Amino acid sequence: MTSFANSTAWLSGCIPDLPTPFNEAGEIDLTAFARLCERQIQAGVSAIVAGETTGEASTLTPAEHDAIIRTAVETAGGRVRVIAGAGSNSTSQAIEKTRRAELAGADAVLSVVPYYNKPMQAGIAAHFRSIAGSTALPIILHDIPGRTVRELGDATLLSLSQSRQFIGLRDATGDLARPSRLRTMLPCGFRLLSGDDITALAFLANGGDGCISAISNVAPELCRVIHSSFRQGRLQSARYLQHRLEPLAALLARESPPAVKYALCLLGLMRPDIRLPLVDLEISTKAEIANAIAAIGEDDLDGGAWEENELQRSA
């Protein structure tokens, strides 16, 4: 765990939800994973997420999950925060994963609404409070009803947010009015992060703080420039670049995480292997991903070049 000041300012911008690379034998490839971490750090992210949705957390053994978190912590070396996926539909298992993430050196955990069980709101609140009572780590809540069936209700979120241990929300509900609806009722410093790349810019415009992103894996510099352009009032640039990314973002969302892994394979960064019950992408989907990456173009994938051009225009 790094010695950052007690602030949530770091929980903003575009934060990548990293995939877990596997080798030909189906084992995790920690060398490739460290390379993915370093690429994001060099692109200027404030945090990285390990062992969550894009990381195929549900297929990892406890030892594998520990290993990728430790690798992320070691690679980060205190330069950025490491957020560990630690959710489960079993409260006791979520507590165990959270404790193991803390021992592995994570700076925070991302904990999802319990899935499959369909708990009532009181049960969701009790679940998260039990996790909080088991750890000293800050907790980011994850609301993704498309995968959990149950959503984290506004009243439940507001109640949990009164504890300083709950520092933010990854919101994948698609409710773009939620940030503006809740912002004045949430404690100062509680961060609202989109969980949907396609609508991330609109989420920011309505009062959000950033995005926990899949497409940042493919274009981290460009994602950083989109967020910095928005914050600096260069809205036309932010919208233009967001528009360039939208076709690829839609493909990644449709077949996540295999599509993320295939896109990174095309860039020479990892193998595309996944674990059952996920299977390889259809040939037509692979072609769509390749075409979407080509359509973005090298200039726009290089966010640094775009940012430099914008600074020259405004000078």
Protein backbone atom coordinates (compact mmCIF):
# COMPACT_ATOMS: atom_id res chain seq x y z
CA MET A 1 0.00 0.00 0.00
CA THR A 2 1.44 3.36 -1.03
CA SER A 3 1.74 6.36 1.28
CA PHE A 4 -0.45 8.81 -0.64
CA ALA A 5 -2.11 11.61 1.28
CA ASN A 6 -5.60 10.92 2.61
CA SER A 7 -7.41 12.39 -0.41
CA THR A 8 -9.55 11.11 -3.24
CA ALA A 9 -8.16 13.56 -5.81
CA TRP A 10 -6.36 10.65 -7.50
CA LEU A 11 -9.67 8.92 -8.22
CA SER A 12 -10.40 10.77 -11.45
CA GLY A 13 -9.68 10.79 -15.15
CA CYS A 14 -9.44 7.59 -17.16
CA ILE A 15 -8.50 4.56 -15.05
CA PRO A 16 -7.91 1.28 -16.93
CA ASP A 17 -9.61 -1.96 -15.94
CA LEU A 18 -6.73 -4.23 -16.94
CA PRO A 19 -7.14 -7.67 -18.55
CA THR A 20 -5.34 -10.71 -17.18
CA PRO A 21 -3.01 -12.20 -19.83
CA PHE A 22 -2.72 -15.98 -20.15
CA ASN A 23 -0.01 -17.97 -21.89
CA GLU A 24 -0.42 -20.94 -24.24
CA ALA A 25 -0.76 -23.28 -21.27
CA GLY A 26 -3.61 -21.22 -19.82
CA GLU A 27 -1.53 -19.86 -16.93
CA ILE A 28 -1.38 -16.17 -16.06
CA ASP A 29 1.44 -14.33 -17.79
CA LEU A 30 2.77 -11.96 -15.15
CA THR A 31 5.44 -10.55 -17.47
CA ALA A 32 2.81 -9.47 -19.98
CA PHE A 33 0.64 -8.12 -17.16
CA ALA A 34 3.50 -6.02 -15.79
CA ARG A 35 4.03 -4.66 -19.30
CA LEU A 36 0.37 -3.62 -19.51
CA CYS A 37 0.64 -1.90 -16.11
CA GLU A 38 3.78 -0.01 -17.11
CA ARG A 39 2.24 1.14 -20.39
CA GLN A 40 -0.66 2.70 -18.51
CA ILE A 41 1.61 4.33 -15.93
CA GLN A 42 3.76 5.84 -18.68
CA ALA A 43 0.58 7.23 -20.26
CA GLY A 44 -0.10 9.23 -17.11
CA VAL A 45 -3.00 7.41 -15.43
CA SER A 46 -3.59 8.04 -11.73
CA ALA A 47 -4.57 4.45 -10.91
CA ILE A 48 -4.90 0.98 -12.39
CA VAL A 49 -7.50 -1.72 -11.69
CA ALA A 50 -6.38 -5.35 -11.39
CA GLY A 51 -8.50 -8.47 -11.08
CA GLU A 52 -11.91 -7.03 -11.86
CA THR A 53 -14.40 -7.35 -14.76
CA THR A 54 -11.96 -7.07 -17.66
CA GLY A 55 -9.46 -9.10 -15.65
CA GLU A 56 -11.73 -12.20 -15.71
CA ALA A 57 -11.69 -12.24 -11.92
CA SER A 58 -14.34 -14.96 -11.71
CA THR A 59 -11.98 -17.46 -13.39
CA LEU A 60 -8.90 -16.71 -11.28
CA THR A 61 -7.83 -18.82 -8.34
CA PRO A 62 -7.10 -16.97 -5.07
CA ALA A 63 -3.36 -17.47 -5.65
CA GLU A 64 -3.61 -16.09 -9.20
CA HIS A 65 -5.63 -13.11 -8.01
CA ASP A 66 -3.03 -12.38 -5.33
CA ALA A 67 -0.25 -12.66 -7.91
CA ILE A 68 -1.66 -10.10 -10.32
CA ILE A 69 -2.34 -7.63 -7.51
CA ARG A 70 1.21 -8.05 -6.20
CA THR A 71 2.57 -7.64 -9.72
CA ALA A 72 0.54 -4.44 -10.20
CA VAL A 73 1.80 -3.10 -6.84
CA GLU A 74 5.41 -3.97 -7.61
CA THR A 75 5.22 -2.47 -11.11
CA ALA A 76 3.51 0.69 -9.86
CA GLY A 77 6.22 1.18 -7.26
CA GLY A 78 4.21 3.92 -5.56
CA ARG A 79 3.81 5.95 -8.77
CA VAL A 80 0.05 5.31 -9.06
CA ARG A 81 -2.68 3.73 -6.96
CA VAL A 82 -3.56 0.07 -7.39
CA ILE A 83 -7.26 -0.78 -7.11
CA ALA A 84 -7.95 -4.48 -6.61
CA GLY A 85 -11.15 -6.13 -7.71
CA ALA A 86 -12.49 -7.84 -4.60
CA GLY A 87 -16.18 -8.43 -5.19
CA SER A 88 -18.26 -11.56 -4.72
CA ASN A 89 -21.89 -12.53 -4.30
CA SER A 90 -20.82 -14.19 -1.05
CA THR A 91 -20.11 -11.66 1.69
CA SER A 92 -17.62 -13.95 3.41
CA GLN A 93 -15.74 -14.51 0.15
CA ALA A 94 -15.74 -10.78 -0.62
CA ILE A 95 -14.26 -10.16 2.84
CA GLU A 96 -11.58 -12.80 2.23
CA LYS A 97 -10.69 -11.30 -1.18
CA THR A 98 -10.53 -7.83 0.35
CA ARG A 99 -8.23 -8.96 3.14
CA ARG A 100 -5.97 -10.74 0.65
CA ALA A 101 -5.86 -7.64 -1.55
CA GLU A 102 -4.82 -5.59 1.46
CA LEU A 103 -2.04 -8.04 2.27
CA ALA A 104 -0.90 -7.94 -1.37
CA GLY A 105 -0.42 -4.18 -1.09
CA ALA A 106 -3.48 -2.76 -2.87
CA ASP A 107 -4.38 0.87 -2.19
CA ALA A 108 -8.14 0.39 -2.55
CA VAL A 109 -10.67 -2.25 -3.54
CA LEU A 110 -13.47 -2.22 -6.08
CA SER A 111 -16.45 -4.14 -4.71
CA VAL A 112 -19.44 -5.05 -6.87
CA VAL A 113 -23.10 -5.32 -5.88
CA PRO A 114 -23.75 -9.02 -5.08
CA TYR A 115 -24.83 -10.82 -8.25
CA TYR A 116 -27.18 -13.78 -8.77
CA ASN A 117 -28.51 -13.72 -5.18
CA LYS A 118 -30.77 -10.70 -5.95
CA PRO A 119 -30.48 -9.18 -2.46
CA MET A 120 -32.79 -6.39 -1.26
CA GLN A 121 -31.28 -2.95 -0.68
CA ALA A 122 -30.89 -3.62 3.05
CA GLY A 123 -28.89 -6.73 2.19
CA ILE A 124 -26.68 -4.83 -0.25
CA ALA A 125 -25.95 -2.21 2.41
CA ALA A 126 -25.19 -4.87 5.03
CA HIS A 127 -22.90 -6.66 2.57
CA PHE A 128 -20.78 -3.57 1.93
CA ARG A 129 -20.70 -2.53 5.59
CA SER A 130 -19.46 -6.00 6.55
CA ILE A 131 -16.65 -5.68 3.99
CA ALA A 132 -15.75 -2.22 5.30
CA GLY A 133 -15.55 -3.59 8.81
CA SER A 134 -12.97 -6.17 7.71
CA THR A 135 -10.36 -3.84 6.20
CA ALA A 136 -8.60 -0.51 6.50
CA LEU A 137 -8.65 -0.03 2.72
CA PRO A 138 -10.90 2.51 1.03
CA ILE A 139 -13.72 0.95 -0.98
CA ILE A 140 -15.06 1.91 -4.40
CA LEU A 141 -18.56 0.59 -5.00
CA HIS A 142 -19.43 -0.99 -8.35
CA ASP A 143 -22.98 -0.71 -9.66
CA ILE A 144 -23.48 -2.73 -12.84
CA PRO A 145 -27.05 -4.08 -12.96
CA GLY A 146 -26.49 -5.58 -16.41
CA ARG A 147 -24.35 -8.20 -14.68
CA THR A 148 -25.79 -8.23 -11.15
CA VAL A 149 -29.55 -7.82 -11.87
CA ARG A 150 -29.89 -5.74 -8.69
CA GLU A 151 -28.78 -2.10 -8.74
CA LEU A 152 -27.34 0.02 -5.95
CA GLY A 153 -30.22 2.34 -5.14
CA ASP A 154 -29.62 6.06 -4.66
CA ALA A 155 -30.74 5.96 -1.04
CA THR A 156 -28.42 3.03 -0.30
CA LEU A 157 -25.51 4.78 -1.99
CA LEU A 158 -26.12 8.00 -0.05
CA SER A 159 -26.29 6.08 3.22
CA LEU A 160 -23.04 4.19 2.56
CA SER A 161 -21.26 7.35 1.41
CA GLN A 162 -21.59 8.83 4.89
CA SER A 163 -18.76 6.50 5.91
CA ARG A 164 -15.43 7.95 4.74
CA GLN A 165 -14.28 4.44 3.90
CA PHE A 166 -16.54 4.44 0.84
CA ILE A 167 -14.76 6.85 -1.48
CA GLY A 168 -16.43 6.43 -4.86
CA LEU A 169 -18.78 4.67 -7.24
CA ARG A 170 -18.14 2.96 -10.56
CA ASP A 171 -21.49 3.54 -12.25
CA ALA A 172 -22.39 1.27 -15.16
CA THR A 173 -26.15 1.85 -14.95
CA GLY A 174 -26.31 4.09 -18.01
CA ASP A 175 -28.18 6.70 -15.94
CA LEU A 176 -26.43 9.85 -17.16
CA ALA A 177 -28.51 12.09 -14.90
CA ARG A 178 -27.25 10.34 -11.78
CA PRO A 179 -24.15 12.52 -11.16
CA SER A 180 -26.13 15.77 -11.29
CA ARG A 181 -28.93 14.22 -9.22
CA LEU A 182 -26.64 13.01 -6.45
CA ARG A 183 -23.67 15.40 -6.45
CA THR A 184 -25.03 17.91 -3.93
CA MET A 185 -26.15 15.13 -1.57
CA LEU A 186 -22.86 13.22 -1.55
CA PRO A 187 -19.99 14.10 0.79
CA CYS A 188 -17.25 16.31 -0.58
CA GLY A 189 -14.58 14.10 -2.10
CA PHE A 190 -16.85 11.16 -2.96
CA ARG A 191 -15.99 10.32 -6.57
CA LEU A 192 -18.39 9.34 -9.33
CA LEU A 193 -16.83 7.31 -12.14
CA SER A 194 -18.51 6.06 -15.27
CA GLY A 195 -18.26 2.36 -16.03
CA ASP A 196 -19.22 2.88 -19.67
CA ASP A 197 -16.72 4.23 -22.18
CA ILE A 198 -19.34 5.20 -24.77
CA THR A 199 -21.16 7.62 -22.46
CA ALA A 200 -18.18 8.63 -20.32
CA LEU A 201 -17.94 12.16 -21.71
CA ALA A 202 -21.63 12.80 -21.09
CA PHE A 203 -21.19 11.43 -17.57
CA LEU A 204 -18.39 13.94 -17.00
CA ALA A 205 -20.52 16.77 -18.36
CA ASN A 206 -23.22 15.93 -15.81
CA GLY A 207 -20.84 16.12 -12.86
CA GLY A 208 -18.83 12.90 -12.99
CA ASP A 209 -15.15 12.69 -12.10
CA GLY A 210 -13.83 10.13 -14.55
CA CYS A 211 -14.19 6.63 -15.98
CA ILE A 212 -12.96 3.16 -15.08
CA SER A 213 -12.34 2.15 -18.63
CA ALA A 214 -11.87 -0.79 -20.97
CA ILE A 215 -10.79 1.26 -23.99
CA SER A 216 -7.99 2.91 -22.01
CA ASN A 217 -6.23 -0.43 -22.38
CA VAL A 218 -6.02 0.22 -26.12
CA ALA A 219 -5.58 4.00 -26.26
CA PRO A 220 -4.44 5.25 -22.84
CA GLU A 221 -2.84 8.49 -24.04
CA LEU A 222 -5.88 9.40 -26.12
CA CYS A 223 -8.24 8.71 -23.20
CA ARG A 224 -6.09 10.93 -20.98
CA VAL A 225 -6.26 13.73 -23.55
CA ILE A 226 -10.06 13.45 -23.81
CA HIS A 227 -10.40 13.91 -20.05
CA SER A 228 -7.81 16.68 -19.82
CA SER A 229 -9.38 18.50 -22.78
CA PHE A 230 -12.76 18.39 -21.08
CA ARG A 231 -11.37 19.69 -17.79
CA GLN A 232 -9.58 22.53 -19.60
CA GLY A 233 -12.73 23.57 -21.45
CA ARG A 234 -11.64 22.30 -24.88
CA LEU A 235 -15.00 20.63 -25.39
CA GLN A 236 -14.84 20.44 -29.17
CA SER A 237 -11.56 18.53 -29.02
CA ALA A 238 -12.89 16.20 -26.33
CA ARG A 239 -16.04 15.45 -28.33
CA TYR A 240 -14.09 14.91 -31.55
CA LEU A 241 -11.71 12.41 -29.97
CA GLN A 242 -14.52 10.65 -28.10
CA HIS A 243 -16.35 10.29 -31.42
CA ARG A 244 -13.27 8.71 -32.98
CA LEU A 245 -13.16 6.11 -30.21
CA GLU A 246 -16.87 5.28 -30.10
CA PRO A 247 -16.97 2.46 -32.72
CA LEU A 248 -14.12 0.61 -30.99
CA ALA A 249 -15.57 1.31 -27.55
CA ALA A 250 -18.88 -0.21 -28.65
CA LEU A 251 -17.14 -3.36 -29.88
CA LEU A 252 -15.15 -3.73 -26.67
CA ALA A 253 -18.30 -3.33 -24.58
CA ARG A 254 -20.21 -5.86 -26.69
CA GLU A 255 -17.69 -8.68 -26.22
CA SER A 256 -15.77 -7.84 -23.05
CA PRO A 257 -13.16 -8.96 -22.16
CA PRO A 258 -12.26 -11.12 -25.23
CA ALA A 259 -12.48 -8.06 -27.50
CA VAL A 260 -10.10 -6.07 -25.28
CA LYS A 261 -7.61 -8.90 -25.34
CA TYR A 262 -7.85 -9.27 -29.12
CA ALA A 263 -7.33 -5.53 -29.63
CA LEU A 264 -4.22 -5.64 -27.44
CA CYS A 265 -3.03 -8.71 -29.35
CA LEU A 266 -3.28 -6.71 -32.59
CA LEU A 267 -1.07 -4.09 -30.95
CA GLY A 268 1.47 -6.78 -30.01
CA LEU A 269 0.99 -6.40 -26.26
CA MET A 270 -0.42 -9.78 -25.19
CA ARG A 271 -1.94 -13.03 -26.33
CA PRO A 272 -5.74 -13.05 -26.87
CA ASP A 273 -6.37 -16.20 -24.80
CA ILE A 274 -9.40 -16.33 -22.50
CA ARG A 275 -10.81 -18.92 -20.14
CA LEU A 276 -14.08 -20.83 -20.33
CA PRO A 277 -16.92 -20.08 -20.27
CA LEU A 278 -15.59 -17.32 -22.56
CA VAL A 279 -14.54 -18.48 -26.01
CA ASP A 280 -12.68 -17.00 -28.97
CA LEU A 281 -14.31 -14.20 -30.94
CA GLU A 282 -16.04 -14.82 -34.26
CA ILE A 283 -13.88 -14.04 -37.29
CA SER A 284 -16.30 -11.26 -38.27
CA THR A 285 -15.92 -9.60 -34.86
CA LYS A 286 -12.14 -9.78 -35.10
CA ALA A 287 -12.32 -8.03 -38.47
CA GLU A 288 -14.58 -5.32 -37.00
CA ILE A 289 -12.07 -4.69 -34.19
CA ALA A 290 -9.14 -4.52 -36.60
CA ASN A 291 -11.05 -2.10 -38.84
CA ALA A 292 -12.05 0.08 -35.88
CA ILE A 293 -8.44 0.35 -34.71
CA ALA A 294 -7.29 1.20 -38.24
CA ALA A 295 -10.04 3.82 -38.57
CA ILE A 296 -8.85 5.66 -35.47
CA GLY A 297 -5.47 6.10 -37.11
CA GLU A 298 -1.99 6.28 -35.64
CA ASP A 299 -2.15 10.06 -35.17
CA ASP A 300 -5.26 9.88 -33.00
CA LEU A 301 -4.05 6.82 -31.11
CA ASP A 302 -1.04 8.94 -30.19
CA GLY A 303 -2.80 11.21 -27.75
CA GLY A 304 0.42 13.03 -26.96
CA ALA A 305 0.71 14.23 -30.54
CA TRP A 306 -2.88 15.46 -30.52
CA GLU A 307 -2.37 17.27 -27.20
CA GLU A 308 0.77 18.98 -28.51
CA ASN A 309 -1.13 20.18 -31.58
CA GLU A 310 -3.90 21.56 -29.38
CA LEU A 311 -1.43 23.45 -27.22
CA GLN A 312 0.16 24.95 -30.33
CA ARG A 313 -3.27 26.07 -31.59
CA SER A 314 -4.10 27.75 -28.29
CA ALA A 315 -0.68 29.43 -27.90
